[in-house]
Amino acid sequence: MRRGKKPAYKRTTVKLPYDLWEELRIESVKKNISLGDLITQKLKEWKVLKEKTAVYPLDKSGLPDYTS
């Protein structure tokens, strides 16, 4: 078994709804990057946004409950 560096990319197949695929494909052509690179970029942006966004449970009045 070969052990060495992990490859920079792993090839995979993902099924997307046609309208989403078309939207992503158009954006990737406009930005002149591959569809895989665009998806990677969007996932990284989503991860950063998710880390910055805090979700607090609501109390009985509907306001954020910062105590829990």
C-alpha atoms as a PDB file:
ATOM      1  CA  MET A   1       0.000   0.000   0.000  1.00  0.00           C
ATOM      2  CA  ARG A   2       1.368   3.408  -0.990  1.00  0.00           C
ATOM      3  CA  ARG A   3       1.565   6.077   1.639  1.00  0.00           C
ATOM      4  CA  GLY A   4       2.419   9.597   0.767  1.00  0.00           C
ATOM      5  CA  LYS A   5       0.941  13.010   0.374  1.00  0.00           C
ATOM      6  CA  LYS A   6      -2.795  13.344   0.154  1.00  0.00           C
ATOM      7  CA  PRO A   7      -3.884  14.498  -3.289  1.00  0.00           C
ATOM      8  CA  ALA A   8      -4.952  18.121  -3.581  1.00  0.00           C
ATOM      9  CA  TYR A   9      -8.263  17.088  -5.123  1.00  0.00           C
ATOM     10  CA  LYS A  10     -10.496  14.050  -5.117  1.00  0.00           C
ATOM     11  CA  ARG A  11     -12.663  13.465  -8.154  1.00  0.00           C
ATOM     12  CA  THR A  12     -16.324  12.758  -7.434  1.00  0.00           C
ATOM     13  CA  THR A  13     -19.758  12.843  -9.022  1.00  0.00           C
ATOM     14  CA  VAL A  14     -22.562  14.918  -7.552  1.00  0.00           C
ATOM     15  CA  LYS A  15     -26.144  14.988  -8.767  1.00  0.00           C
ATOM     16  CA  LEU A  16     -27.638  18.488  -8.839  1.00  0.00           C
ATOM     17  CA  PRO A  17     -31.056  19.762  -9.847  1.00  0.00           C
ATOM     18  CA  TYR A  18     -30.836  21.099 -13.389  1.00  0.00           C
ATOM     19  CA  ASP A  19     -31.665  24.706 -12.454  1.00  0.00           C
ATOM     20  CA  LEU A  20     -28.961  24.774  -9.752  1.00  0.00           C
ATOM     21  CA  TRP A  21     -26.410  23.184 -12.099  1.00  0.00           C
ATOM     22  CA  GLU A  22     -27.247  25.719 -14.802  1.00  0.00           C
ATOM     23  CA  GLU A  23     -26.917  28.664 -12.379  1.00  0.00           C
ATOM     24  CA  LEU A  24     -23.562  27.408 -11.064  1.00  0.00           C
ATOM     25  CA  ARG A  25     -22.300  26.639 -14.571  1.00  0.00           C
ATOM     26  CA  ILE A  26     -23.139  30.142 -15.834  1.00  0.00           C
ATOM     27  CA  GLU A  27     -21.412  31.705 -12.818  1.00  0.00           C
ATOM     28  CA  SER A  28     -18.321  29.530 -13.298  1.00  0.00           C
ATOM     29  CA  VAL A  29     -18.077  30.526 -16.969  1.00  0.00           C
ATOM     30  CA  LYS A  30     -18.440  34.233 -16.096  1.00  0.00           C
ATOM     31  CA  LYS A  31     -15.693  33.930 -13.455  1.00  0.00           C
ATOM     32  CA  ASN A  32     -13.594  31.741 -15.779  1.00  0.00           C
ATOM     33  CA  ILE A  33     -13.110  29.003 -13.151  1.00  0.00           C
ATOM     34  CA  SER A  34     -14.053  25.344 -13.080  1.00  0.00           C
ATOM     35  CA  LEU A  35     -17.383  24.254 -11.672  1.00  0.00           C
ATOM     36  CA  GLY A  36     -15.559  22.268  -8.976  1.00  0.00           C
ATOM     37  CA  ASP A  37     -13.541  25.327  -7.930  1.00  0.00           C
ATOM     38  CA  LEU A  38     -16.717  27.429  -7.789  1.00  0.00           C
ATOM     39  CA  ILE A  39     -18.464  24.878  -5.571  1.00  0.00           C
ATOM     40  CA  THR A  40     -15.374  24.681  -3.335  1.00  0.00           C
ATOM     41  CA  GLN A  41     -15.294  28.493  -3.071  1.00  0.00           C
ATOM     42  CA  LYS A  42     -18.999  28.664  -2.192  1.00  0.00           C
ATOM     43  CA  LEU A  43     -18.675  25.930   0.457  1.00  0.00           C
ATOM     44  CA  LYS A  44     -15.741  27.754   2.083  1.00  0.00           C
ATOM     45  CA  GLU A  45     -17.731  31.015   2.117  1.00  0.00           C
ATOM     46  CA  TRP A  46     -20.712  29.190   3.622  1.00  0.00           C
ATOM     47  CA  LYS A  47     -18.492  27.650   6.316  1.00  0.00           C
ATOM     48  CA  VAL A  48     -17.087  31.069   7.303  1.00  0.00           C
ATOM     49  CA  LEU A  49     -20.575  32.576   7.380  1.00  0.00           C
ATOM     50  CA  LYS A  50     -21.833  29.678   9.474  1.00  0.00           C
ATOM     51  CA  GLU A  51     -19.007  30.193  11.989  1.00  0.00           C
ATOM     52  CA  LYS A  52     -19.795  33.925  12.252  1.00  0.00           C
ATOM     53  CA  THR A  53     -23.517  33.377  12.728  1.00  0.00           C
ATOM     54  CA  ALA A  54     -24.674  32.515  16.235  1.00  0.00           C
ATOM     55  CA  VAL A  55     -28.083  31.000  16.788  1.00  0.00           C
ATOM     56  CA  TYR A  56     -29.618  31.467  20.208  1.00  0.00           C
ATOM     57  CA  PRO A  57     -32.734  29.714  21.494  1.00  0.00           C
ATOM     58  CA  LEU A  58     -35.753  31.953  22.021  1.00  0.00           C
ATOM     59  CA  ASP A  59     -37.359  32.576  25.387  1.00  0.00           C
ATOM     60  CA  LYS A  60     -41.132  32.581  25.951  1.00  0.00           C
ATOM     61  CA  SER A  61     -41.463  36.167  24.710  1.00  0.00           C
ATOM     62  CA  GLY A  62     -39.731  35.335  21.431  1.00  0.00           C
ATOM     63  CA  LEU A  63     -36.475  37.140  22.248  1.00  0.00           C
ATOM     64  CA  PRO A  64     -33.056  35.447  22.162  1.00  0.00           C
ATOM     65  CA  ASP A  65     -32.247  33.648  25.410  1.00  0.00           C
ATOM     66  CA  TYR A  66     -28.556  34.351  26.051  1.00  0.00           C
ATOM     67  CA  THR A  67     -28.517  32.482  29.364  1.00  0.00           C
ATOM     68  CA  SER A  68     -28.504  28.980  27.919  1.00  0.00           C
END
